[in-house]
């Protein structure tokens, strides 16, 4: 959830992170996240209407709630958000010379058409794929264009995604894995990070978090978040010896390693910041695996 206080707490916690590359990414994207939180806070509270049948179908992975058309995005407001986030990110990047000129020359208007935003409100992934096509072979796509547009889109989806997630959580509890989708029940994107948190009644539970829309949902503790494998012999955790709170859930069946934070107190967890923090361990693990396979 885009919340300034939560973001500030998390960013402060990792201000002295031992990995200089992680610190640099936090310093780069942290201000843009804070700007997005402020923009979201200025919007009216999201009040999308979903039926009980919609909620149940989303909980079981049979539809995504955004696909019902419950959310709309105003093109003018979206374009304003894009420009505000772009300016914040450009400042944090410390851009200069030709790179700065290239960033400043971008015309954001084509990315904010009513037609494209109608797609975005139903499927953020479909929108971002069209963004890639519009941007062409731009060198700025991954470092500037997609982060800016993705975060601006999040401003308009985050409130609805959080409300949807709470509605799903209030439905009857489930115990079978097929009722817990691998993809976000709100927008259909892949989860970005998992958190194991404490609850007053149910002990420690695991949630998956989508940083595309802000959705979150319960998930099995012993199950791969990529392929759904539940074989205990296929699943294991790896982590830095000095930090057992940040782990990768490694699956032999599909070869993926899913970032998982053992957060304890749910109030201490912020998915957007943790996704950045986990890049350090992910890159170290990828390098190690590549070395072993060489």
C-alpha atoms as a PDB file:
ATOM      1  CA  UNK A   1       0.000   0.000   0.000  1.00  0.00           C
ATOM      2  CA  UNK A   2       1.304   3.444  -0.935  1.00  0.00           C
ATOM      3  CA  UNK A   3       1.473   5.114   2.461  1.00  0.00           C
ATOM      4  CA  UNK A   4       3.980   7.859   3.258  1.00  0.00           C
ATOM      5  CA  UNK A   5       4.485   6.894   6.913  1.00  0.00           C
ATOM      6  CA  UNK A   6       5.063   3.241   6.052  1.00  0.00           C
ATOM      7  CA  UNK A   7       7.462   4.159   3.266  1.00  0.00           C
ATOM      8  CA  UNK A   8       9.385   6.598   5.454  1.00  0.00           C
ATOM      9  CA  UNK A   9       9.767   4.001   8.218  1.00  0.00           C
ATOM     10  CA  UNK A  10      11.065   1.389   5.809  1.00  0.00           C
ATOM     11  CA  UNK A  11      13.382   3.745   3.942  1.00  0.00           C
ATOM     12  CA  UNK A  12      14.847   4.957   7.243  1.00  0.00           C
ATOM     13  CA  UNK A  13      15.377   1.372   8.405  1.00  0.00           C
ATOM     14  CA  UNK A  14      17.557   0.603   5.392  1.00  0.00           C
ATOM     15  CA  UNK A  15      19.321   3.953   5.089  1.00  0.00           C
ATOM     16  CA  UNK A  16      22.582   2.322   6.200  1.00  0.00           C
ATOM     17  CA  UNK A  17      22.194  -0.930   4.280  1.00  0.00           C
ATOM     18  CA  UNK A  18      25.533  -2.694   3.874  1.00  0.00           C
ATOM     19  CA  UNK A  19      25.013  -3.236   0.129  1.00  0.00           C
ATOM     20  CA  UNK A  20      25.936   0.009  -1.596  1.00  0.00           C
ATOM     21  CA  UNK A  21      23.996  -0.971  -4.723  1.00  0.00           C
ATOM     22  CA  UNK A  22      20.825  -1.460  -2.657  1.00  0.00           C
ATOM     23  CA  UNK A  23      21.391   1.888  -0.945  1.00  0.00           C
ATOM     24  CA  UNK A  24      21.742   3.535  -4.341  1.00  0.00           C
ATOM     25  CA  UNK A  25      18.491   2.009  -5.616  1.00  0.00           C
ATOM     26  CA  UNK A  26      16.643   3.075  -2.465  1.00  0.00           C
ATOM     27  CA  UNK A  27      17.988   6.604  -2.826  1.00  0.00           C
ATOM     28  CA  UNK A  28      16.930   6.624  -6.472  1.00  0.00           C
ATOM     29  CA  UNK A  29      13.425   5.214  -6.224  1.00  0.00           C
ATOM     30  CA  UNK A  30      12.516   6.149  -2.643  1.00  0.00           C
ATOM     31  CA  UNK A  31      11.617   9.777  -3.430  1.00  0.00           C
ATOM     32  CA  UNK A  32       9.465   8.694  -6.369  1.00  0.00           C
ATOM     33  CA  UNK A  33       7.603   6.247  -4.113  1.00  0.00           C
ATOM     34  CA  UNK A  34       6.996   9.028  -1.597  1.00  0.00           C
ATOM     35  CA  UNK A  35       5.726  11.320  -4.345  1.00  0.00           C
ATOM     36  CA  UNK A  36       3.359   8.572  -5.514  1.00  0.00           C
ATOM     37  CA  UNK A  37       2.084   8.129  -1.949  1.00  0.00           C
ATOM     38  CA  UNK A  38       1.353  11.854  -1.706  1.00  0.00           C
ATOM     39  CA  UNK A  39      -0.450  11.847  -5.047  1.00  0.00           C
ATOM     40  CA  UNK A  40      -2.532   8.869  -3.990  1.00  0.00           C
ATOM     41  CA  UNK A  41      -3.409  10.525  -0.672  1.00  0.00           C
ATOM     42  CA  UNK A  42      -4.803  13.518  -2.566  1.00  0.00           C
ATOM     43  CA  UNK A  43      -7.266  11.336  -4.507  1.00  0.00           C
ATOM     44  CA  UNK A  44     -10.793  10.559  -3.271  1.00  0.00           C
ATOM     45  CA  UNK A  45     -11.031   7.296  -1.354  1.00  0.00           C
ATOM     46  CA  UNK A  46     -11.540   4.342  -3.681  1.00  0.00           C
ATOM     47  CA  UNK A  47     -15.011   2.840  -3.426  1.00  0.00           C
ATOM     48  CA  UNK A  48     -15.316   0.272  -6.235  1.00  0.00           C
ATOM     49  CA  UNK A  49     -18.365  -1.970  -6.159  1.00  0.00           C
ATOM     50  CA  UNK A  50     -17.807  -5.704  -6.475  1.00  0.00           C
ATOM     51  CA  UNK A  51     -20.351  -8.457  -5.964  1.00  0.00           C
ATOM     52  CA  UNK A  52     -19.799 -11.312  -3.531  1.00  0.00           C
ATOM     53  CA  UNK A  53     -19.512 -13.558  -6.579  1.00  0.00           C
ATOM     54  CA  UNK A  54     -16.722 -11.386  -7.982  1.00  0.00           C
ATOM     55  CA  UNK A  55     -14.817 -11.516  -4.706  1.00  0.00           C
ATOM     56  CA  UNK A  56     -15.139 -15.287  -4.438  1.00  0.00           C
ATOM     57  CA  UNK A  57     -14.094 -15.799  -8.062  1.00  0.00           C
ATOM     58  CA  UNK A  58     -11.028 -13.610  -7.515  1.00  0.00           C
ATOM     59  CA  UNK A  59     -10.123 -15.494  -4.335  1.00  0.00           C
ATOM     60  CA  UNK A  60     -10.165 -18.718  -6.314  1.00  0.00           C
ATOM     61  CA  UNK A  61      -8.227 -17.232  -9.225  1.00  0.00           C
ATOM     62  CA  UNK A  62     -11.122 -17.444 -11.697  1.00  0.00           C
ATOM     63  CA  UNK A  63     -11.080 -13.720 -12.537  1.00  0.00           C
ATOM     64  CA  UNK A  64      -9.261 -10.539 -11.621  1.00  0.00           C
ATOM     65  CA  UNK A  65     -11.276  -7.823  -9.930  1.00  0.00           C
ATOM     66  CA  UNK A  66      -9.959  -5.049 -12.165  1.00  0.00           C
ATOM     67  CA  UNK A  67     -11.233  -6.943 -15.211  1.00  0.00           C
ATOM     68  CA  UNK A  68     -14.798  -6.200 -14.061  1.00  0.00           C
ATOM     69  CA  UNK A  69     -14.338  -2.548 -14.998  1.00  0.00           C
ATOM     70  CA  UNK A  70     -14.854  -1.222 -11.488  1.00  0.00           C
ATOM     71  CA  UNK A  71     -12.036   1.343 -11.712  1.00  0.00           C
ATOM     72  CA  UNK A  72     -11.636   4.296 -14.063  1.00  0.00           C
ATOM     73  CA  UNK A  73      -8.609   6.552 -14.555  1.00  0.00           C
ATOM     74  CA  UNK A  74      -8.966  10.180 -15.616  1.00  0.00           C
ATOM     75  CA  UNK A  75      -6.445  10.895 -18.417  1.00  0.00           C
ATOM     76  CA  UNK A  76      -5.694  14.471 -17.320  1.00  0.00           C
ATOM     77  CA  UNK A  77      -5.123  13.474 -13.698  1.00  0.00           C
ATOM     78  CA  UNK A  78      -2.972  10.564 -14.793  1.00  0.00           C
ATOM     79  CA  UNK A  79      -0.826  12.767 -17.029  1.00  0.00           C
ATOM     80  CA  UNK A  80      -0.289  15.191 -14.139  1.00  0.00           C
ATOM     81  CA  UNK A  81       0.801  12.291 -11.913  1.00  0.00           C
ATOM     82  CA  UNK A  82       3.163  11.003 -14.602  1.00  0.00           C
ATOM     83  CA  UNK A  83       4.863  14.377 -14.936  1.00  0.00           C
ATOM     84  CA  UNK A  84       5.215  14.779 -11.153  1.00  0.00           C
ATOM     85  CA  UNK A  85       6.734  11.324 -10.692  1.00  0.00           C
ATOM     86  CA  UNK A  86       8.955  11.732 -13.763  1.00  0.00           C
ATOM     87  CA  UNK A  87      10.380  14.963 -12.338  1.00  0.00           C
ATOM     88  CA  UNK A  88      11.036  13.329  -8.951  1.00  0.00           C
ATOM     89  CA  UNK A  89      12.714  10.322 -10.494  1.00  0.00           C
ATOM     90  CA  UNK A  90      14.794  12.446 -12.833  1.00  0.00           C
ATOM     91  CA  UNK A  91      16.069  14.454  -9.870  1.00  0.00           C
ATOM     92  CA  UNK A  92      16.987  11.281  -7.955  1.00  0.00           C
ATOM     93  CA  UNK A  93      18.779   9.793 -10.953  1.00  0.00           C
ATOM     94  CA  UNK A  94      21.120  12.756 -11.014  1.00  0.00           C
ATOM     95  CA  UNK A  95      20.735  12.888 -14.779  1.00  0.00           C
ATOM     96  CA  UNK A  96      22.910  15.237 -16.809  1.00  0.00           C
ATOM     97  CA  UNK A  97      24.120  15.853 -20.338  1.00  0.00           C
ATOM     98  CA  UNK A  98      22.588  13.856 -23.182  1.00  0.00           C
ATOM     99  CA  UNK A  99      20.780  11.517 -20.787  1.00  0.00           C
ATOM    100  CA  UNK A 100      19.058  14.440 -19.066  1.00  0.00           C
ATOM    101  CA  UNK A 101      18.125  15.999 -22.397  1.00  0.00           C
ATOM    102  CA  UNK A 102      16.688  12.713 -23.660  1.00  0.00           C
ATOM    103  CA  UNK A 103      14.566  12.288 -20.531  1.00  0.00           C
ATOM    104  CA  UNK A 104      13.310  15.864 -20.661  1.00  0.00           C
ATOM    105  CA  UNK A 105      12.341  15.511 -24.316  1.00  0.00           C
ATOM    106  CA  UNK A 106       9.872  12.681 -23.680  1.00  0.00           C
ATOM    107  CA  UNK A 107       6.284  13.490 -24.586  1.00  0.00           C
ATOM    108  CA  UNK A 108       4.186  11.612 -22.032  1.00  0.00           C
ATOM    109  CA  UNK A 109       0.852  12.481 -23.676  1.00  0.00           C
ATOM    110  CA  UNK A 110       0.578   9.378 -25.932  1.00  0.00           C
ATOM    111  CA  UNK A 111       0.885   7.160 -22.854  1.00  0.00           C
ATOM    112  CA  UNK A 112      -2.114   8.855 -21.228  1.00  0.00           C
ATOM    113  CA  UNK A 113      -4.800   8.441 -23.881  1.00  0.00           C
ATOM    114  CA  UNK A 114      -8.294   7.510 -22.774  1.00  0.00           C
ATOM    115  CA  UNK A 115      -8.098   4.283 -24.769  1.00  0.00           C
ATOM    116  CA  UNK A 116      -4.841   3.166 -23.193  1.00  0.00           C
ATOM    117  CA  UNK A 117      -5.994   4.053 -19.692  1.00  0.00           C
ATOM    118  CA  UNK A 118      -9.198   2.074 -20.167  1.00  0.00           C
ATOM    119  CA  UNK A 119      -6.919  -0.920 -20.755  1.00  0.00           C
ATOM    120  CA  UNK A 120      -4.741   0.063 -17.799  1.00  0.00           C
ATOM    121  CA  UNK A 121      -7.680   0.145 -15.413  1.00  0.00           C
ATOM    122  CA  UNK A 122      -8.601  -3.419 -16.359  1.00  0.00           C
ATOM    123  CA  UNK A 123      -5.133  -4.898 -16.885  1.00  0.00           C
ATOM    124  CA  UNK A 124      -1.992  -2.979 -15.880  1.00  0.00           C
ATOM    125  CA  UNK A 125       0.153  -5.604 -17.621  1.00  0.00           C
ATOM    126  CA  UNK A 126      -1.651  -5.084 -20.921  1.00  0.00           C
ATOM    127  CA  UNK A 127      -1.100  -1.346 -20.590  1.00  0.00           C
ATOM    128  CA  UNK A 128       2.608  -1.683 -19.835  1.00  0.00           C
ATOM    129  CA  UNK A 129       3.044  -4.005 -22.811  1.00  0.00           C
ATOM    130  CA  UNK A 130       1.496  -1.338 -25.043  1.00  0.00           C
ATOM    131  CA  UNK A 131       3.787   1.234 -23.459  1.00  0.00           C
ATOM    132  CA  UNK A 132       6.778  -0.859 -24.536  1.00  0.00           C
ATOM    133  CA  UNK A 133       5.462  -0.961 -28.080  1.00  0.00           C
ATOM    134  CA  UNK A 134       4.925   2.809 -28.122  1.00  0.00           C
ATOM    135  CA  UNK A 135       8.362   3.512 -26.685  1.00  0.00           C
ATOM    136  CA  UNK A 136      10.042   1.314 -29.278  1.00  0.00           C
ATOM    137  CA  UNK A 137      13.765   0.696 -28.815  1.00  0.00           C
ATOM    138  CA  UNK A 138      14.255   3.568 -26.385  1.00  0.00           C
ATOM    139  CA  UNK A 139      17.248   3.200 -24.064  1.00  0.00           C
ATOM    140  CA  UNK A 140      15.169   4.965 -21.429  1.00  0.00           C
ATOM    141  CA  UNK A 141      12.450   2.323 -21.278  1.00  0.00           C
ATOM    142  CA  UNK A 142      13.615   0.263 -18.293  1.00  0.00           C
ATOM    143  CA  UNK A 143      15.359   2.938 -16.267  1.00  0.00           C
ATOM    144  CA  UNK A 144      12.912   5.824 -16.694  1.00  0.00           C
ATOM    145  CA  UNK A 145       9.784   5.323 -18.809  1.00  0.00           C
ATOM    146  CA  UNK A 146       8.408   2.105 -17.334  1.00  0.00           C
ATOM    147  CA  UNK A 147       9.203   3.016 -13.691  1.00  0.00           C
ATOM    148  CA  UNK A 148       7.500   6.391 -14.142  1.00  0.00           C
ATOM    149  CA  UNK A 149       4.375   5.099 -15.853  1.00  0.00           C
ATOM    150  CA  UNK A 150       4.105   2.026 -13.649  1.00  0.00           C
ATOM    151  CA  UNK A 151       4.279   4.095 -10.481  1.00  0.00           C
ATOM    152  CA  UNK A 152       1.819   6.663 -11.816  1.00  0.00           C
ATOM    153  CA  UNK A 153      -0.592   3.845 -12.646  1.00  0.00           C
ATOM    154  CA  UNK A 154      -0.148   2.498  -9.128  1.00  0.00           C
ATOM    155  CA  UNK A 155      -1.340   5.853  -7.744  1.00  0.00           C
ATOM    156  CA  UNK A 156      -4.769   5.249  -9.250  1.00  0.00           C
ATOM    157  CA  UNK A 157      -5.009   1.520  -8.504  1.00  0.00           C
ATOM    158  CA  UNK A 158      -3.529   1.251  -5.023  1.00  0.00           C
ATOM    159  CA  UNK A 159      -6.626   2.267  -3.053  1.00  0.00           C
ATOM    160  CA  UNK A 160      -8.907  -0.071  -4.978  1.00  0.00           C
ATOM    161  CA  UNK A 161      -6.360  -2.900  -4.773  1.00  0.00           C
ATOM    162  CA  UNK A 162      -6.043  -2.543  -1.015  1.00  0.00           C
ATOM    163  CA  UNK A 163      -9.828  -2.463  -0.582  1.00  0.00           C
ATOM    164  CA  UNK A 164     -10.169  -5.518  -2.819  1.00  0.00           C
ATOM    165  CA  UNK A 165      -7.503  -7.393  -0.877  1.00  0.00           C
ATOM    166  CA  UNK A 166      -9.294  -6.736   2.393  1.00  0.00           C
ATOM    167  CA  UNK A 167     -12.579  -7.973   0.926  1.00  0.00           C
ATOM    168  CA  UNK A 168     -10.910 -11.171  -0.288  1.00  0.00           C
ATOM    169  CA  UNK A 169      -9.319 -11.667   3.129  1.00  0.00           C
ATOM    170  CA  UNK A 170     -12.734 -11.455   4.811  1.00  0.00           C
ATOM    171  CA  UNK A 171     -14.193 -14.317   2.778  1.00  0.00           C
ATOM    172  CA  UNK A 172     -14.317 -17.819   4.226  1.00  0.00           C
ATOM    173  CA  UNK A 173     -10.891 -19.235   4.986  1.00  0.00           C
ATOM    174  CA  UNK A 174      -9.497 -21.802   2.573  1.00  0.00           C
ATOM    175  CA  UNK A 175      -7.074 -24.638   3.115  1.00  0.00           C
ATOM    176  CA  UNK A 176      -6.564 -26.108  -0.344  1.00  0.00           C
ATOM    177  CA  UNK A 177      -3.872 -24.637  -2.573  1.00  0.00           C
ATOM    178  CA  UNK A 178      -6.065 -24.321  -5.657  1.00  0.00           C
ATOM    179  CA  UNK A 179      -8.083 -21.607  -3.938  1.00  0.00           C
ATOM    180  CA  UNK A 180      -5.018 -19.402  -3.576  1.00  0.00           C
ATOM    181  CA  UNK A 181      -3.955 -17.980  -6.929  1.00  0.00           C
ATOM    182  CA  UNK A 182      -0.360 -17.669  -8.061  1.00  0.00           C
ATOM    183  CA  UNK A 183      -1.136 -14.355  -9.753  1.00  0.00           C
ATOM    184  CA  UNK A 184      -2.634 -11.248  -8.183  1.00  0.00           C
ATOM    185  CA  UNK A 185      -6.404 -11.677  -7.762  1.00  0.00           C
ATOM    186  CA  UNK A 186      -6.831  -7.933  -8.303  1.00  0.00           C
ATOM    187  CA  UNK A 187      -4.862  -7.286 -11.505  1.00  0.00           C
ATOM    188  CA  UNK A 188      -3.400 -10.615 -12.653  1.00  0.00           C
ATOM    189  CA  UNK A 189       0.280  -9.671 -12.338  1.00  0.00           C
ATOM    190  CA  UNK A 190       2.891 -11.934 -10.792  1.00  0.00           C
ATOM    191  CA  UNK A 191       3.611 -11.315  -7.126  1.00  0.00           C
ATOM    192  CA  UNK A 192       6.766  -9.318  -6.422  1.00  0.00           C
ATOM    193  CA  UNK A 193       7.579 -10.340  -2.870  1.00  0.00           C
ATOM    194  CA  UNK A 194       6.238 -12.481  -0.022  1.00  0.00           C
ATOM    195  CA  UNK A 195       6.001 -11.649   3.661  1.00  0.00           C
ATOM    196  CA  UNK A 196       5.614 -13.947   6.651  1.00  0.00           C
ATOM    197  CA  UNK A 197       3.922 -11.925   9.380  1.00  0.00           C
ATOM    198  CA  UNK A 198       2.427 -12.522  12.798  1.00  0.00           C
ATOM    199  CA  UNK A 199      -1.332 -12.450  13.403  1.00  0.00           C
ATOM    200  CA  UNK A 200      -3.217 -12.284  16.722  1.00  0.00           C
ATOM    201  CA  UNK A 201      -5.278 -15.419  15.992  1.00  0.00           C
ATOM    202  CA  UNK A 202      -3.707 -17.541  13.249  1.00  0.00           C
ATOM    203  CA  UNK A 203      -0.032 -17.412  14.183  1.00  0.00           C
ATOM    204  CA  UNK A 204       2.403 -16.648  11.367  1.00  0.00           C
ATOM    205  CA  UNK A 205       0.853 -16.365   7.920  1.00  0.00           C
ATOM    206  CA  UNK A 206       2.355 -15.814   4.506  1.00  0.00           C
ATOM    207  CA  UNK A 207       1.131 -13.208   2.058  1.00  0.00           C
ATOM    208  CA  UNK A 208       2.097 -12.444  -1.507  1.00  0.00           C
ATOM    209  CA  UNK A 209       2.300  -8.807  -2.573  1.00  0.00           C
ATOM    210  CA  UNK A 210       1.778  -7.309  -6.018  1.00  0.00           C
ATOM    211  CA  UNK A 211       3.634  -4.040  -6.519  1.00  0.00           C
ATOM    212  CA  UNK A 212       1.942  -3.503  -9.889  1.00  0.00           C
ATOM    213  CA  UNK A 213      -1.433  -2.609  -8.343  1.00  0.00           C
ATOM    214  CA  UNK A 214      -0.846  -2.945  -4.587  1.00  0.00           C
ATOM    215  CA  UNK A 215      -2.866  -6.123  -4.074  1.00  0.00           C
ATOM    216  CA  UNK A 216      -1.977  -8.757  -1.475  1.00  0.00           C
ATOM    217  CA  UNK A 217      -3.345 -12.192  -0.610  1.00  0.00           C
ATOM    218  CA  UNK A 218      -2.784 -15.187   1.662  1.00  0.00           C
ATOM    219  CA  UNK A 219      -0.590 -17.971   0.360  1.00  0.00           C
ATOM    220  CA  UNK A 220       0.647 -21.352   1.572  1.00  0.00           C
ATOM    221  CA  UNK A 221       3.865 -21.293   3.597  1.00  0.00           C
ATOM    222  CA  UNK A 222       5.218 -24.413   1.859  1.00  0.00           C
ATOM    223  CA  UNK A 223       4.475 -23.741  -1.794  1.00  0.00           C
ATOM    224  CA  UNK A 224       6.385 -22.183  -4.681  1.00  0.00           C
ATOM    225  CA  UNK A 225       4.961 -18.779  -5.575  1.00  0.00           C
ATOM    226  CA  UNK A 226       6.105 -19.231  -9.187  1.00  0.00           C
ATOM    227  CA  UNK A 227       4.948 -22.714 -10.189  1.00  0.00           C
ATOM    228  CA  UNK A 228       2.786 -23.825  -7.256  1.00  0.00           C
ATOM    229  CA  UNK A 229       4.908 -26.866  -6.366  1.00  0.00           C
ATOM    230  CA  UNK A 230       4.226 -28.086  -2.815  1.00  0.00           C
ATOM    231  CA  UNK A 231       6.779 -30.889  -2.536  1.00  0.00           C
ATOM    232  CA  UNK A 232       8.713 -30.208   0.655  1.00  0.00           C
ATOM    233  CA  UNK A 233      11.810 -31.854  -0.836  1.00  0.00           C
ATOM    234  CA  UNK A 234      11.811 -29.307  -3.696  1.00  0.00           C
ATOM    235  CA  UNK A 235      11.616 -26.181  -1.527  1.00  0.00           C
ATOM    236  CA  UNK A 236      14.258 -24.553   0.635  1.00  0.00           C
ATOM    237  CA  UNK A 237      15.343 -21.136   1.876  1.00  0.00           C
ATOM    238  CA  UNK A 238      18.670 -19.426   1.298  1.00  0.00           C
ATOM    239  CA  UNK A 239      19.812 -16.239   2.992  1.00  0.00           C
ATOM    240  CA  UNK A 240      22.773 -14.202   4.123  1.00  0.00           C
ATOM    241  CA  UNK A 241      24.129 -15.602   7.393  1.00  0.00           C
ATOM    242  CA  UNK A 242      23.985 -12.118   8.879  1.00  0.00           C
ATOM    243  CA  UNK A 243      20.355 -11.546   7.849  1.00  0.00           C
ATOM    244  CA  UNK A 244      17.865 -14.389   8.194  1.00  0.00           C
ATOM    245  CA  UNK A 245      14.856 -12.062   7.813  1.00  0.00           C
ATOM    246  CA  UNK A 246      15.439 -11.698   4.078  1.00  0.00           C
ATOM    247  CA  UNK A 247      15.362 -15.040   2.291  1.00  0.00           C
ATOM    248  CA  UNK A 248      14.881 -16.567  -1.126  1.00  0.00           C
ATOM    249  CA  UNK A 249      12.405 -19.444  -1.335  1.00  0.00           C
ATOM    250  CA  UNK A 250      14.152 -21.695  -3.849  1.00  0.00           C
ATOM    251  CA  UNK A 251      12.194 -24.253  -5.877  1.00  0.00           C
ATOM    252  CA  UNK A 252      13.988 -27.171  -7.536  1.00  0.00           C
ATOM    253  CA  UNK A 253      10.965 -27.911  -9.717  1.00  0.00           C
ATOM    254  CA  UNK A 254      11.021 -24.623 -11.647  1.00  0.00           C
ATOM    255  CA  UNK A 255      14.419 -23.251 -10.665  1.00  0.00           C
ATOM    256  CA  UNK A 256      13.017 -19.954  -9.399  1.00  0.00           C
ATOM    257  CA  UNK A 257      13.937 -18.172  -6.164  1.00  0.00           C
ATOM    258  CA  UNK A 258      11.156 -16.050  -4.675  1.00  0.00           C
ATOM    259  CA  UNK A 259      12.015 -13.093  -2.368  1.00  0.00           C
ATOM    260  CA  UNK A 260      10.474 -13.649   1.063  1.00  0.00           C
ATOM    261  CA  UNK A 261      10.683 -11.389   4.107  1.00  0.00           C
ATOM    262  CA  UNK A 262      10.157 -12.757   7.603  1.00  0.00           C
ATOM    263  CA  UNK A 263       8.770  -9.499   8.894  1.00  0.00           C
ATOM    264  CA  UNK A 264       7.144 -10.511  12.180  1.00  0.00           C
ATOM    265  CA  UNK A 265       5.113  -7.364  12.840  1.00  0.00           C
ATOM    266  CA  UNK A 266       3.046  -6.617   9.706  1.00  0.00           C
ATOM    267  CA  UNK A 267       3.355  -2.872  10.382  1.00  0.00           C
ATOM    268  CA  UNK A 268       7.123  -3.103   9.876  1.00  0.00           C
ATOM    269  CA  UNK A 269       6.733  -4.424   6.321  1.00  0.00           C
ATOM    270  CA  UNK A 270       6.465  -2.312   3.175  1.00  0.00           C
ATOM    271  CA  UNK A 271       6.370  -4.336  -0.036  1.00  0.00           C
ATOM    272  CA  UNK A 272       7.685  -1.594  -2.315  1.00  0.00           C
ATOM    273  CA  UNK A 273      10.772  -0.924  -0.200  1.00  0.00           C
ATOM    274  CA  UNK A 274      11.395  -4.605   0.519  1.00  0.00           C
ATOM    275  CA  UNK A 275      11.249  -5.403  -3.189  1.00  0.00           C
ATOM    276  CA  UNK A 276      14.175  -3.025  -3.691  1.00  0.00           C
ATOM    277  CA  UNK A 277      16.065  -4.325  -0.648  1.00  0.00           C
ATOM    278  CA  UNK A 278      15.725  -7.912  -1.860  1.00  0.00           C
ATOM    279  CA  UNK A 279      17.474  -7.106  -5.152  1.00  0.00           C
ATOM    280  CA  UNK A 280      20.817  -7.397  -3.350  1.00  0.00           C
ATOM    281  CA  UNK A 281      20.252 -10.989  -2.259  1.00  0.00           C
ATOM    282  CA  UNK A 282      18.675 -11.886  -5.602  1.00  0.00           C
ATOM    283  CA  UNK A 283      21.658 -10.613  -7.567  1.00  0.00           C
ATOM    284  CA  UNK A 284      24.116 -12.375  -5.263  1.00  0.00           C
ATOM    285  CA  UNK A 285      22.176 -15.638  -5.602  1.00  0.00           C
ATOM    286  CA  UNK A 286      21.939 -15.341  -9.400  1.00  0.00           C
ATOM    287  CA  UNK A 287      25.685 -14.755  -9.607  1.00  0.00           C
ATOM    288  CA  UNK A 288      26.400 -17.726  -7.355  1.00  0.00           C
ATOM    289  CA  UNK A 289      24.173 -20.061  -9.351  1.00  0.00           C
ATOM    290  CA  UNK A 290      25.714 -18.879 -12.620  1.00  0.00           C
ATOM    291  CA  UNK A 291      29.154 -19.564 -11.202  1.00  0.00           C
ATOM    292  CA  UNK A 292      28.209 -23.075 -10.151  1.00  0.00           C
ATOM    293  CA  UNK A 293      26.786 -23.829 -13.609  1.00  0.00           C
ATOM    294  CA  UNK A 294      29.758 -22.396 -15.497  1.00  0.00           C
END
